[in-house]
PDB file of N, CA and C in Angstrom:
ATOM      1  N   UNK A   1       8.710 -12.471  72.965  1.00  0.00           N
ATOM      2  CA  UNK A   1       9.616 -11.880  72.035  1.00  0.00           C
ATOM      3  C   UNK A   1       9.567 -12.584  70.671  1.00  0.00           C
ATOM      4  N   UNK A   2       9.317 -13.867  70.633  1.00  0.00           N
ATOM      5  CA  UNK A   2       9.259 -14.576  69.359  1.00  0.00           C
ATOM      6  C   UNK A   2       8.027 -14.191  68.553  1.00  0.00           C
ATOM      7  N   UNK A   3       6.961 -13.773  69.217  1.00  0.00           N
ATOM      8  CA  UNK A   3       5.768 -13.389  68.469  1.00  0.00           C
ATOM      9  C   UNK A   3       6.001 -12.106  67.674  1.00  0.00           C
ATOM     10  N   UNK A   4       6.839 -11.215  68.141  1.00  0.00           N
ATOM     11  CA  UNK A   4       7.114  -9.995  67.382  1.00  0.00           C
ATOM     12  C   UNK A   4       7.961 -10.298  66.151  1.00  0.00           C
ATOM     13  N   UNK A   5       8.756 -11.370  66.212  1.00  0.00           N
ATOM     14  CA  UNK A   5       9.523 -11.775  65.044  1.00  0.00           C
ATOM     15  C   UNK A   5       8.602 -12.263  63.926  1.00  0.00           C
ATOM     16  N   UNK A   6       7.591 -13.043  64.263  1.00  0.00           N
ATOM     17  CA  UNK A   6       6.683 -13.579  63.260  1.00  0.00           C
ATOM     18  C   UNK A   6       5.888 -12.471  62.584  1.00  0.00           C
ATOM     19  N   UNK A   7       5.471 -11.501  63.317  1.00  0.00           N
ATOM     20  CA  UNK A   7       4.686 -10.435  62.696  1.00  0.00           C
ATOM     21  C   UNK A   7       5.575  -9.528  61.848  1.00  0.00           C
ATOM     22  N   UNK A   8       6.857  -9.525  62.073  1.00  0.00           N
ATOM     23  CA  UNK A   8       7.768  -8.688  61.298  1.00  0.00           C
ATOM     24  C   UNK A   8       8.228  -9.346  60.014  1.00  0.00           C
ATOM     25  N   UNK A   9       8.018 -10.645  59.849  1.00  0.00           N
ATOM     26  CA  UNK A   9       8.459 -11.330  58.635  1.00  0.00           C
ATOM     27  C   UNK A   9       7.515 -11.016  57.478  1.00  0.00           C
ATOM     28  N   UNK A  10       8.100 -10.844  56.337  1.00  0.00           N
ATOM     29  CA  UNK A  10       7.298 -10.572  55.144  1.00  0.00           C
ATOM     30  C   UNK A  10       7.828 -11.430  54.010  1.00  0.00           C
ATOM     31  N   UNK A  11       6.969 -11.680  53.046  1.00  0.00           N
ATOM     32  CA  UNK A  11       7.360 -12.476  51.885  1.00  0.00           C
ATOM     33  C   UNK A  11       6.139 -12.817  51.067  1.00  0.00           C
ATOM     34  N   UNK A  12       6.370 -13.626  50.088  1.00  0.00           N
ATOM     35  CA  UNK A  12       5.281 -14.008  49.203  1.00  0.00           C
ATOM     36  C   UNK A  12       4.907 -15.458  49.507  1.00  0.00           C
ATOM     37  N   UNK A  13       3.632 -15.732  49.486  1.00  0.00           N
ATOM     38  CA  UNK A  13       3.165 -17.087  49.786  1.00  0.00           C
ATOM     39  C   UNK A  13       3.314 -17.967  48.548  1.00  0.00           C
ATOM     40  N   UNK A  14       3.125 -19.243  48.729  1.00  0.00           N
ATOM     41  CA  UNK A  14       3.197 -20.187  47.616  1.00  0.00           C
ATOM     42  C   UNK A  14       2.137 -19.860  46.575  1.00  0.00           C
ATOM     43  N   UNK A  15       0.954 -19.506  47.014  1.00  0.00           N
ATOM     44  CA  UNK A  15      -0.118 -19.151  46.079  1.00  0.00           C
ATOM     45  C   UNK A  15       0.277 -17.886  45.314  1.00  0.00           C
ATOM     46  N   UNK A  16       0.911 -16.951  45.969  1.00  0.00           N
ATOM     47  CA  UNK A  16       1.379 -15.739  45.297  1.00  0.00           C
ATOM     48  C   UNK A  16       2.416 -16.056  44.237  1.00  0.00           C
ATOM     49  N   UNK A  17       3.341 -16.965  44.545  1.00  0.00           N
ATOM     50  CA  UNK A  17       4.367 -17.378  43.575  1.00  0.00           C
ATOM     51  C   UNK A  17       3.719 -18.039  42.368  1.00  0.00           C
ATOM     52  N   UNK A  18       2.748 -18.904  42.609  1.00  0.00           N
ATOM     53  CA  UNK A  18       2.053 -19.583  41.504  1.00  0.00           C
ATOM     54  C   UNK A  18       1.305 -18.564  40.645  1.00  0.00           C
ATOM     55  N   UNK A  19       0.624 -17.605  41.272  1.00  0.00           N
ATOM     56  CA  UNK A  19      -0.108 -16.585  40.537  1.00  0.00           C
ATOM     57  C   UNK A  19       0.836 -15.753  39.662  1.00  0.00           C
ATOM     58  N   UNK A  20       1.940 -15.307  40.223  1.00  0.00           N
ATOM     59  CA  UNK A  20       2.912 -14.523  39.468  1.00  0.00           C
ATOM     60  C   UNK A  20       3.474 -15.356  38.320  1.00  0.00           C
ATOM     61  N   UNK A  21       3.741 -16.630  38.562  1.00  0.00           N
ATOM     62  CA  UNK A  21       4.251 -17.514  37.509  1.00  0.00           C
ATOM     63  C   UNK A  21       3.267 -17.682  36.369  1.00  0.00           C
ATOM     64  N   UNK A  22       1.988 -17.826  36.693  1.00  0.00           N
ATOM     65  CA  UNK A  22       0.958 -17.981  35.664  1.00  0.00           C
ATOM     66  C   UNK A  22       0.838 -16.702  34.837  1.00  0.00           C
ATOM     67  N   UNK A  23       0.878 -15.554  35.501  1.00  0.00           N
ATOM     68  CA  UNK A  23       0.794 -14.275  34.781  1.00  0.00           C
ATOM     69  C   UNK A  23       2.000 -14.100  33.860  1.00  0.00           C
ATOM     70  N   UNK A  24       3.189 -14.398  34.349  1.00  0.00           N
ATOM     71  CA  UNK A  24       4.400 -14.278  33.525  1.00  0.00           C
ATOM     72  C   UNK A  24       4.384 -15.263  32.366  1.00  0.00           C
ATOM     73  N   UNK A  25       3.917 -16.481  32.601  1.00  0.00           N
ATOM     74  CA  UNK A  25       3.834 -17.473  31.526  1.00  0.00           C
ATOM     75  C   UNK A  25       2.848 -17.025  30.455  1.00  0.00           C
ATOM     76  N   UNK A  26       1.707 -16.493  30.869  1.00  0.00           N
ATOM     77  CA  UNK A  26       0.717 -15.992  29.913  1.00  0.00           C
ATOM     78  C   UNK A  26       1.264 -14.845  29.085  1.00  0.00           C
ATOM     79  N   UNK A  27       1.976 -13.933  29.740  1.00  0.00           N
ATOM     80  CA  UNK A  27       2.579 -12.811  29.021  1.00  0.00           C
ATOM     81  C   UNK A  27       3.638 -13.307  28.040  1.00  0.00           C
ATOM     82  N   UNK A  28       4.387 -14.324  28.433  1.00  0.00           N
ATOM     83  CA  UNK A  28       5.408 -14.888  27.544  1.00  0.00           C
ATOM     84  C   UNK A  28       4.801 -15.551  26.320  1.00  0.00           C
ATOM     85  N   UNK A  29       3.727 -16.298  26.506  1.00  0.00           N
ATOM     86  CA  UNK A  29       3.058 -16.962  25.383  1.00  0.00           C
ATOM     87  C   UNK A  29       2.464 -15.920  24.440  1.00  0.00           C
ATOM     88  N   UNK A  30       1.853 -14.887  24.991  1.00  0.00           N
ATOM     89  CA  UNK A  30       1.278 -13.827  24.161  1.00  0.00           C
ATOM     90  C   UNK A  30       2.366 -13.101  23.374  1.00  0.00           C
ATOM     91  N   UNK A  31       3.459 -12.797  24.022  1.00  0.00           N
ATOM     92  CA  UNK A  31       4.579 -12.134  23.349  1.00  0.00           C
ATOM     93  C   UNK A  31       5.132 -13.014  22.234  1.00  0.00           C
ATOM     94  N   UNK A  32       5.236 -14.310  22.485  1.00  0.00           N
ATOM     95  CA  UNK A  32       5.749 -15.234  21.473  1.00  0.00           C
ATOM     96  C   UNK A  32       4.835 -15.304  20.259  1.00  0.00           C
ATOM     97  N   UNK A  33       3.555 -15.004  20.416  1.00  0.00           N
ATOM     98  CA  UNK A  33       2.641 -15.021  19.283  1.00  0.00           C
ATOM     99  C   UNK A  33       2.573 -13.669  18.571  1.00  0.00           C
ATOM    100  N   UNK A  34       2.829 -12.576  19.281  1.00  0.00           N
ATOM    101  CA  UNK A  34       2.741 -11.238  18.696  1.00  0.00           C
ATOM    102  C   UNK A  34       4.016 -10.880  17.930  1.00  0.00           C
ATOM    103  N   UNK A  35       5.163 -11.281  18.431  1.00  0.00           N
ATOM    104  CA  UNK A  35       6.442 -10.896  17.817  1.00  0.00           C
ATOM    105  C   UNK A  35       6.529 -11.298  16.338  1.00  0.00           C
ATOM    106  N   UNK A  36       6.128 -12.491  15.931  1.00  0.00           N
ATOM    107  CA  UNK A  36       6.200 -12.814  14.495  1.00  0.00           C
ATOM    108  C   UNK A  36       5.330 -11.903  13.618  1.00  0.00           C
ATOM    109  N   UNK A  37       4.187 -11.446  14.134  1.00  0.00           N
ATOM    110  CA  UNK A  37       3.347 -10.554  13.340  1.00  0.00           C
ATOM    111  C   UNK A  37       4.002  -9.193  13.178  1.00  0.00           C
ATOM    112  N   UNK A  38       4.706  -8.727  14.191  1.00  0.00           N
ATOM    113  CA  UNK A  38       5.431  -7.454  14.101  1.00  0.00           C
ATOM    114  C   UNK A  38       6.585  -7.587  13.109  1.00  0.00           C
ATOM    115  N   UNK A  39       7.267  -8.715  13.142  1.00  0.00           N
ATOM    116  CA  UNK A  39       8.358  -8.937  12.197  1.00  0.00           C
ATOM    117  C   UNK A  39       7.828  -9.012  10.761  1.00  0.00           C
ATOM    118  N   UNK A  40       6.664  -9.644  10.573  1.00  0.00           N
ATOM    119  CA  UNK A  40       6.067  -9.708   9.241  1.00  0.00           C
ATOM    120  C   UNK A  40       5.673  -8.303   8.775  1.00  0.00           C
ATOM    121  N   UNK A  41       5.166  -7.471   9.671  1.00  0.00           N
ATOM    122  CA  UNK A  41       4.826  -6.082   9.328  1.00  0.00           C
ATOM    123  C   UNK A  41       6.066  -5.342   8.823  1.00  0.00           C
ATOM    124  N   UNK A  42       7.181  -5.519   9.504  1.00  0.00           N
ATOM    125  CA  UNK A  42       8.417  -4.865   9.073  1.00  0.00           C
ATOM    126  C   UNK A  42       8.839  -5.360   7.690  1.00  0.00           C
ATOM    127  N   UNK A  43       8.660  -6.641   7.430  1.00  0.00           N
ATOM    128  CA  UNK A  43       8.990  -7.210   6.127  1.00  0.00           C
ATOM    129  C   UNK A  43       8.069  -6.658   5.042  1.00  0.00           C
ATOM    130  N   UNK A  44       6.780  -6.513   5.361  1.00  0.00           N
ATOM    131  CA  UNK A  44       5.824  -5.945   4.407  1.00  0.00           C
ATOM    132  C   UNK A  44       6.192  -4.503   4.096  1.00  0.00           C
ATOM    133  N   UNK A  45       6.561  -3.756   5.108  1.00  0.00           N
ATOM    134  CA  UNK A  45       6.956  -2.360   4.916  1.00  0.00           C
ATOM    135  C   UNK A  45       8.166  -2.262   3.988  1.00  0.00           C
ATOM    136  N   UNK A  46       9.122  -3.167   4.176  1.00  0.00           N
ATOM    137  CA  UNK A  46      10.307  -3.189   3.309  1.00  0.00           C
ATOM    138  C   UNK A  46       9.913  -3.533   1.871  1.00  0.00           C
ATOM    139  N   UNK A  47       9.007  -4.496   1.700  1.00  0.00           N
ATOM    140  CA  UNK A  47       8.569  -4.890   0.362  1.00  0.00           C
ATOM    141  C   UNK A  47       7.784  -3.764  -0.308  1.00  0.00           C
ATOM    142  N   UNK A  48       6.979  -3.030   0.452  1.00  0.00           N
ATOM    143  CA  UNK A  48       6.215  -1.909  -0.095  1.00  0.00           C
ATOM    144  C   UNK A  48       7.161  -0.809  -0.568  1.00  0.00           C
ATOM    145  N   UNK A  49       8.192  -0.541   0.223  1.00  0.00           N
ATOM    146  CA  UNK A  49       9.159   0.482  -0.177  1.00  0.00           C
ATOM    147  C   UNK A  49       9.932   0.075  -1.426  1.00  0.00           C
ATOM    148  N   UNK A  50      10.135  -1.213  -1.599  1.00  0.00           N
ATOM    149  CA  UNK A  50      10.789  -1.701  -2.819  1.00  0.00           C
ATOM    150  C   UNK A  50       9.821  -1.610  -4.000  1.00  0.00           C
ATOM    151  N   UNK A  51       8.540  -1.906  -3.756  1.00  0.00           N
ATOM    152  CA  UNK A  51       7.542  -1.926  -4.828  1.00  0.00           C
ATOM    153  C   UNK A  51       7.221  -0.537  -5.359  1.00  0.00           C
ATOM    154  N   UNK A  52       7.408   0.488  -4.571  1.00  0.00           N
ATOM    155  CA  UNK A  52       7.074   1.845  -5.026  1.00  0.00           C
ATOM    156  C   UNK A  52       7.968   2.310  -6.176  1.00  0.00           C
ATOM    157  N   UNK A  53       9.022   1.556  -6.465  1.00  0.00           N
ATOM    158  CA  UNK A  53       9.912   1.907  -7.571  1.00  0.00           C
ATOM    159  C   UNK A  53       9.283   1.612  -8.929  1.00  0.00           C
ATOM    160  N   UNK A  54       8.166   0.850  -8.927  1.00  0.00           N
ATOM    161  CA  UNK A  54       7.478   0.560 -10.179  1.00  0.00           C
ATOM    162  C   UNK A  54       6.793   1.807 -10.721  1.00  0.00           C
ATOM    163  N   UNK A  55       6.576   1.819 -12.047  1.00  0.00           N
ATOM    164  CA  UNK A  55       5.976   2.985 -12.690  1.00  0.00           C
ATOM    165  C   UNK A  55       4.480   2.844 -12.911  1.00  0.00           C
ATOM    166  N   UNK A  56       4.005   1.621 -13.058  1.00  0.00           N
ATOM    167  CA  UNK A  56       2.580   1.394 -13.280  1.00  0.00           C
ATOM    168  C   UNK A  56       2.020   0.562 -12.132  1.00  0.00           C
ATOM    169  N   UNK A  57       0.690   0.580 -12.007  1.00  0.00           N
ATOM    170  CA  UNK A  57       0.048  -0.184 -10.934  1.00  0.00           C
ATOM    171  C   UNK A  57       0.358  -1.682 -11.054  1.00  0.00           C
ATOM    172  N   UNK A  58       0.222  -2.291 -12.241  1.00  0.00           N
ATOM    173  CA  UNK A  58       0.557  -3.720 -12.338  1.00  0.00           C
ATOM    174  C   UNK A  58       2.025  -4.008 -12.000  1.00  0.00           C
ATOM    175  N   UNK A  59       2.910  -3.103 -12.374  1.00  0.00           N
ATOM    176  CA  UNK A  59       4.335  -3.296 -12.079  1.00  0.00           C
ATOM    177  C   UNK A  59       4.591  -3.231 -10.568  1.00  0.00           C
ATOM    178  N   UNK A  60       3.949  -2.293  -9.890  1.00  0.00           N
ATOM    179  CA  UNK A  60       4.101  -2.181  -8.428  1.00  0.00           C
ATOM    180  C   UNK A  60       3.599  -3.458  -7.767  1.00  0.00           C
ATOM    181  N   UNK A  61       2.440  -3.949  -8.199  1.00  0.00           N
ATOM    182  CA  UNK A  61       1.878  -5.184  -7.624  1.00  0.00           C
ATOM    183  C   UNK A  61       2.806  -6.378  -7.884  1.00  0.00           C
ATOM    184  N   UNK A  62       3.383  -6.439  -9.089  1.00  0.00           N
ATOM    185  CA  UNK A  62       4.273  -7.550  -9.436  1.00  0.00           C
ATOM    186  C   UNK A  62       5.549  -7.516  -8.579  1.00  0.00           C
ATOM    187  N   UNK A  63       6.119  -6.323  -8.410  1.00  0.00           N
ATOM    188  CA  UNK A  63       7.335  -6.199  -7.583  1.00  0.00           C
ATOM    189  C   UNK A  63       7.029  -6.617  -6.150  1.00  0.00           C
ATOM    190  N   UNK A  64       5.872  -6.178  -5.630  1.00  0.00           N
ATOM    191  CA  UNK A  64       5.507  -6.561  -4.265  1.00  0.00           C
ATOM    192  C   UNK A  64       5.306  -8.072  -4.164  1.00  0.00           C
ATOM    193  N   UNK A  65       4.589  -8.663  -5.121  1.00  0.00           N
ATOM    194  CA  UNK A  65       4.329 -10.107  -5.070  1.00  0.00           C
ATOM    195  C   UNK A  65       5.624 -10.916  -5.137  1.00  0.00           C
ATOM    196  N   UNK A  66       6.593 -10.458  -5.927  1.00  0.00           N
ATOM    197  CA  UNK A  66       7.890 -11.148  -5.971  1.00  0.00           C
ATOM    198  C   UNK A  66       8.587 -11.070  -4.615  1.00  0.00           C
ATOM    199  N   UNK A  67       8.587  -9.875  -4.012  1.00  0.00           N
ATOM    200  CA  UNK A  67       9.210  -9.721  -2.695  1.00  0.00           C
ATOM    201  C   UNK A  67       8.458 -10.534  -1.652  1.00  0.00           C
ATOM    202  N   UNK A  68       7.136 -10.603  -1.784  1.00  0.00           N
ATOM    203  CA  UNK A  68       6.328 -11.364  -0.827  1.00  0.00           C
ATOM    204  C   UNK A  68       6.618 -12.857  -0.926  1.00  0.00           C
ATOM    205  N   UNK A  69       6.830 -13.354  -2.133  1.00  0.00           N
ATOM    206  CA  UNK A  69       7.137 -14.778  -2.276  1.00  0.00           C
ATOM    207  C   UNK A  69       8.533 -15.100  -1.747  1.00  0.00           C
ATOM    208  N   UNK A  70       9.467 -14.176  -1.916  1.00  0.00           N
ATOM    209  CA  UNK A  70      10.822 -14.399  -1.407  1.00  0.00           C
ATOM    210  C   UNK A  70      10.847 -14.359   0.117  1.00  0.00           C
ATOM    211  N   UNK A  71      10.130 -13.364   0.697  1.00  0.00           N
ATOM    212  CA  UNK A  71      10.157 -13.172   2.149  1.00  0.00           C
ATOM    213  C   UNK A  71       9.049 -13.921   2.880  1.00  0.00           C
ATOM    214  N   UNK A  72       8.280 -14.733   2.166  1.00  0.00           N
ATOM    215  CA  UNK A  72       7.241 -15.571   2.764  1.00  0.00           C
ATOM    216  C   UNK A  72       6.171 -14.728   3.474  1.00  0.00           C
ATOM    217  N   UNK A  73       5.677 -13.708   2.799  1.00  0.00           N
ATOM    218  CA  UNK A  73       4.610 -12.867   3.334  1.00  0.00           C
ATOM    219  C   UNK A  73       3.285 -13.506   2.944  1.00  0.00           C
ATOM    220  N   UNK A  74       2.446 -13.782   3.935  1.00  0.00           N
ATOM    221  CA  UNK A  74       1.176 -14.445   3.640  1.00  0.00           C
ATOM    222  C   UNK A  74      -0.042 -13.605   4.042  1.00  0.00           C
ATOM    223  N   UNK A  75       0.134 -12.530   4.765  1.00  0.00           N
ATOM    224  CA  UNK A  75      -0.996 -11.749   5.262  1.00  0.00           C
ATOM    225  C   UNK A  75      -1.587 -10.802   4.229  1.00  0.00           C
ATOM    226  N   UNK A  76      -0.834 -10.479   3.206  1.00  0.00           N
ATOM    227  CA  UNK A  76      -1.259  -9.478   2.238  1.00  0.00           C
ATOM    228  C   UNK A  76      -0.617  -9.811   0.894  1.00  0.00           C
ATOM    229  N   UNK A  77      -1.287  -9.421  -0.177  1.00  0.00           N
ATOM    230  CA  UNK A  77      -0.717  -9.651  -1.510  1.00  0.00           C
ATOM    231  C   UNK A  77      -0.781  -8.352  -2.304  1.00  0.00           C
ATOM    232  N   UNK A  78      -0.262  -8.384  -3.497  1.00  0.00           N
ATOM    233  CA  UNK A  78      -0.214  -7.198  -4.327  1.00  0.00           C
ATOM    234  C   UNK A  78      -1.584  -6.613  -4.620  1.00  0.00           C
ATOM    235  N   UNK A  79      -2.607  -7.461  -4.734  1.00  0.00           N
ATOM    236  CA  UNK A  79      -3.953  -6.955  -5.036  1.00  0.00           C
ATOM    237  C   UNK A  79      -4.556  -6.199  -3.864  1.00  0.00           C
ATOM    238  N   UNK A  80      -3.992  -6.334  -2.667  1.00  0.00           N
ATOM    239  CA  UNK A  80      -4.497  -5.638  -1.481  1.00  0.00           C
ATOM    240  C   UNK A  80      -3.889  -4.248  -1.307  1.00  0.00           C
ATOM    241  N   UNK A  81      -2.961  -3.888  -2.151  1.00  0.00           N
ATOM    242  CA  UNK A  81      -2.285  -2.605  -2.026  1.00  0.00           C
ATOM    243  C   UNK A  81      -3.116  -1.484  -2.634  1.00  0.00           C
ATOM    244  N   UNK A  82      -3.042  -0.309  -2.024  1.00  0.00           N
ATOM    245  CA  UNK A  82      -3.659   0.898  -2.578  1.00  0.00           C
ATOM    246  C   UNK A  82      -2.527   1.747  -3.142  1.00  0.00           C
ATOM    247  N   UNK A  83      -2.536   1.937  -4.453  1.00  0.00           N
ATOM    248  CA  UNK A  83      -1.431   2.607  -5.130  1.00  0.00           C
ATOM    249  C   UNK A  83      -1.926   3.929  -5.701  1.00  0.00           C
ATOM    250  N   UNK A  84      -1.258   5.019  -5.324  1.00  0.00           N
ATOM    251  CA  UNK A  84      -1.619   6.349  -5.809  1.00  0.00           C
ATOM    252  C   UNK A  84      -0.356   7.102  -6.191  1.00  0.00           C
ATOM    253  N   UNK A  85      -0.546   8.242  -6.841  1.00  0.00           N
ATOM    254  CA  UNK A  85       0.574   9.128  -7.151  1.00  0.00           C
ATOM    255  C   UNK A  85       0.353  10.434  -6.418  1.00  0.00           C
ATOM    256  N   UNK A  86       1.385  10.890  -5.728  1.00  0.00           N
ATOM    257  CA  UNK A  86       1.353  12.169  -5.033  1.00  0.00           C
ATOM    258  C   UNK A  86       2.619  12.931  -5.417  1.00  0.00           C
ATOM    259  N   UNK A  87       2.445  14.073  -6.036  1.00  0.00           N
ATOM    260  CA  UNK A  87       3.581  14.892  -6.481  1.00  0.00           C
ATOM    261  C   UNK A  87       4.551  14.090  -7.352  1.00  0.00           C
ATOM    262  N   UNK A  88       4.023  13.382  -8.323  1.00  0.00           N
ATOM    263  CA  UNK A  88       4.806  12.560  -9.257  1.00  0.00           C
ATOM    264  C   UNK A  88       5.600  11.438  -8.582  1.00  0.00           C
ATOM    265  N   UNK A  89       5.197  11.066  -7.368  1.00  0.00           N
ATOM    266  CA  UNK A  89       5.830   9.935  -6.682  1.00  0.00           C
ATOM    267  C   UNK A  89       4.763   8.873  -6.427  1.00  0.00           C
ATOM    268  N   UNK A  90       5.148   7.634  -6.600  1.00  0.00           N
ATOM    269  CA  UNK A  90       4.232   6.526  -6.330  1.00  0.00           C
ATOM    270  C   UNK A  90       4.172   6.311  -4.821  1.00  0.00           C
ATOM    271  N   UNK A  91       2.959   6.275  -4.288  1.00  0.00           N
ATOM    272  CA  UNK A  91       2.745   6.018  -2.861  1.00  0.00           C
ATOM    273  C   UNK A  91       1.928   4.742  -2.742  1.00  0.00           C
ATOM    274  N   UNK A  92       2.434   3.802  -1.967  1.00  0.00           N
ATOM    275  CA  UNK A  92       1.774   2.514  -1.781  1.00  0.00           C
ATOM    276  C   UNK A  92       1.320   2.425  -0.330  1.00  0.00           C
ATOM    277  N   UNK A  93       0.012   2.206  -0.144  1.00  0.00           N
ATOM    278  CA  UNK A  93      -0.562   2.051   1.196  1.00  0.00           C
ATOM    279  C   UNK A  93      -1.097   0.634   1.353  1.00  0.00           C
ATOM    280  N   UNK A  94      -1.112   0.186   2.591  1.00  0.00           N
ATOM    281  CA  UNK A  94      -1.663  -1.139   2.875  1.00  0.00           C
ATOM    282  C   UNK A  94      -2.271  -1.140   4.263  1.00  0.00           C
ATOM    283  N   UNK A  95      -3.206  -2.056   4.468  1.00  0.00           N
ATOM    284  CA  UNK A  95      -3.818  -2.265   5.782  1.00  0.00           C
ATOM    285  C   UNK A  95      -4.304  -3.710   5.837  1.00  0.00           C
ATOM    286  N   UNK A  96      -4.107  -4.327   6.964  1.00  0.00           N
ATOM    287  CA  UNK A  96      -4.570  -5.700   7.167  1.00  0.00           C
ATOM    288  C   UNK A  96      -4.669  -5.959   8.659  1.00  0.00           C
ATOM    289  N   UNK A  97      -5.276  -7.064   9.009  1.00  0.00           N
ATOM    290  CA  UNK A  97      -5.366  -7.426  10.423  1.00  0.00           C
ATOM    291  C   UNK A  97      -5.027  -8.894  10.611  1.00  0.00           C
ATOM    292  N   UNK A  98      -4.512  -9.180  11.774  1.00  0.00           N
ATOM    293  CA  UNK A  98      -4.173 -10.557  12.167  1.00  0.00           C
ATOM    294  C   UNK A  98      -4.907 -10.878  13.454  1.00  0.00           C
ATOM    295  N   UNK A  99      -5.409 -12.075  13.565  1.00  0.00           N
ATOM    296  CA  UNK A  99      -6.079 -12.523  14.780  1.00  0.00           C
ATOM    297  C   UNK A  99      -5.262 -13.623  15.426  1.00  0.00           C
ATOM    298  N   UNK A 100      -5.116 -13.509  16.730  1.00  0.00           N
ATOM    299  CA  UNK A 100      -4.418 -14.519  17.513  1.00  0.00           C
ATOM    300  C   UNK A 100      -5.422 -15.124  18.474  1.00  0.00           C
ATOM    301  N   UNK A 101      -5.611 -16.430  18.381  1.00  0.00           N
ATOM    302  CA  UNK A 101      -6.559 -17.112  19.266  1.00  0.00           C
ATOM    303  C   UNK A 101      -5.969 -17.204  20.669  1.00  0.00           C
ATOM    304  N   UNK A 102      -6.718 -16.709  21.648  1.00  0.00           N
ATOM    305  CA  UNK A 102      -6.243 -16.767  23.028  1.00  0.00           C
ATOM    306  C   UNK A 102      -6.784 -18.012  23.722  1.00  0.00           C
ATOM    307  N   UNK A 103      -8.081 -18.032  23.952  1.00  0.00           N
ATOM    308  CA  UNK A 103      -8.711 -19.187  24.573  1.00  0.00           C
ATOM    309  C   UNK A 103     -10.211 -19.124  24.334  1.00  0.00           C
ATOM    310  N   UNK A 104     -10.833 -20.258  24.105  1.00  0.00           N
ATOM    311  CA  UNK A 104     -12.277 -20.285  23.885  1.00  0.00           C
ATOM    312  C   UNK A 104     -12.668 -19.331  22.771  1.00  0.00           C
ATOM    313  N   UNK A 105     -13.614 -18.432  23.052  1.00  0.00           N
ATOM    314  CA  UNK A 105     -14.044 -17.486  22.026  1.00  0.00           C
ATOM    315  C   UNK A 105     -13.214 -16.197  21.994  1.00  0.00           C
ATOM    316  N   UNK A 106     -12.151 -16.124  22.762  1.00  0.00           N
ATOM    317  CA  UNK A 106     -11.361 -14.893  22.874  1.00  0.00           C
ATOM    318  C   UNK A 106     -10.239 -14.858  21.836  1.00  0.00           C
ATOM    319  N   UNK A 107     -10.160 -13.724  21.131  1.00  0.00           N
ATOM    320  CA  UNK A 107      -9.118 -13.495  20.139  1.00  0.00           C
ATOM    321  C   UNK A 107      -8.479 -12.137  20.392  1.00  0.00           C
ATOM    322  N   UNK A 108      -7.215 -12.020  20.049  1.00  0.00           N
ATOM    323  CA  UNK A 108      -6.525 -10.742  20.055  1.00  0.00           C
ATOM    324  C   UNK A 108      -6.406 -10.315  18.598  1.00  0.00           C
ATOM    325  N   UNK A 109      -6.992  -9.166  18.251  1.00  0.00           N
ATOM    326  CA  UNK A 109      -6.952  -8.670  16.881  1.00  0.00           C
ATOM    327  C   UNK A 109      -5.923  -7.558  16.785  1.00  0.00           C
ATOM    328  N   UNK A 110      -4.969  -7.735  15.879  1.00  0.00           N
ATOM    329  CA  UNK A 110      -3.939  -6.738  15.643  1.00  0.00           C
ATOM    330  C   UNK A 110      -4.194  -6.116  14.276  1.00  0.00           C
ATOM    331  N   UNK A 111      -4.319  -4.796  14.230  1.00  0.00           N
ATOM    332  CA  UNK A 111      -4.558  -4.097  12.961  1.00  0.00           C
ATOM    333  C   UNK A 111      -3.288  -3.357  12.562  1.00  0.00           C
ATOM    334  N   UNK A 112      -2.802  -3.667  11.374  1.00  0.00           N
ATOM    335  CA  UNK A 112      -1.591  -3.044  10.861  1.00  0.00           C
ATOM    336  C   UNK A 112      -1.928  -2.214   9.623  1.00  0.00           C
ATOM    337  N   UNK A 113      -1.290  -1.081   9.484  1.00  0.00           N
ATOM    338  CA  UNK A 113      -1.406  -0.271   8.280  1.00  0.00           C
ATOM    339  C   UNK A 113      -0.109   0.508   8.107  1.00  0.00           C
ATOM    340  N   UNK A 114       0.131   0.903   6.886  1.00  0.00           N
ATOM    341  CA  UNK A 114       1.346   1.666   6.622  1.00  0.00           C
ATOM    342  C   UNK A 114       1.371   2.160   5.197  1.00  0.00           C
ATOM    343  N   UNK A 115       2.414   2.898   4.873  1.00  0.00           N
ATOM    344  CA  UNK A 115       2.589   3.387   3.512  1.00  0.00           C
ATOM    345  C   UNK A 115       4.067   3.508   3.212  1.00  0.00           C
ATOM    346  N   UNK A 116       4.357   3.582   1.937  1.00  0.00           N
ATOM    347  CA  UNK A 116       5.754   3.695   1.518  1.00  0.00           C
ATOM    348  C   UNK A 116       6.298   5.063   1.889  1.00  0.00           C
ATOM    349  N   UNK A 117       7.609   5.118   1.989  1.00  0.00           N
ATOM    350  CA  UNK A 117       8.267   6.396   2.341  1.00  0.00           C
ATOM    351  C   UNK A 117       8.350   7.315   1.175  1.00  0.00           C
TER     352      UNK A 117
END
């Protein structure tokens, strides 16, 4: 009768717990590195929307650079912006990429792009 009890028990082994812990730790470290880049993207988007209020290309770049210096934006600068006019409205587009070193030769490349509203 005791042998049927042993075959009915289920659970996770110590090796399984260690494996799950390593996977969760890796996901946590990756998330901790990706979240700041997403927050910087949101800040860039806000600065681009503020910069579109300029009337000339140099003015738009200057407004963006001022906002970038205040908000500590380092991934992109005013010279990287693509500024056009559509239906008498200034439209500011941007694109950039960030690389996160994972291990050895492995990198995670994040590509961001956007435009003003």
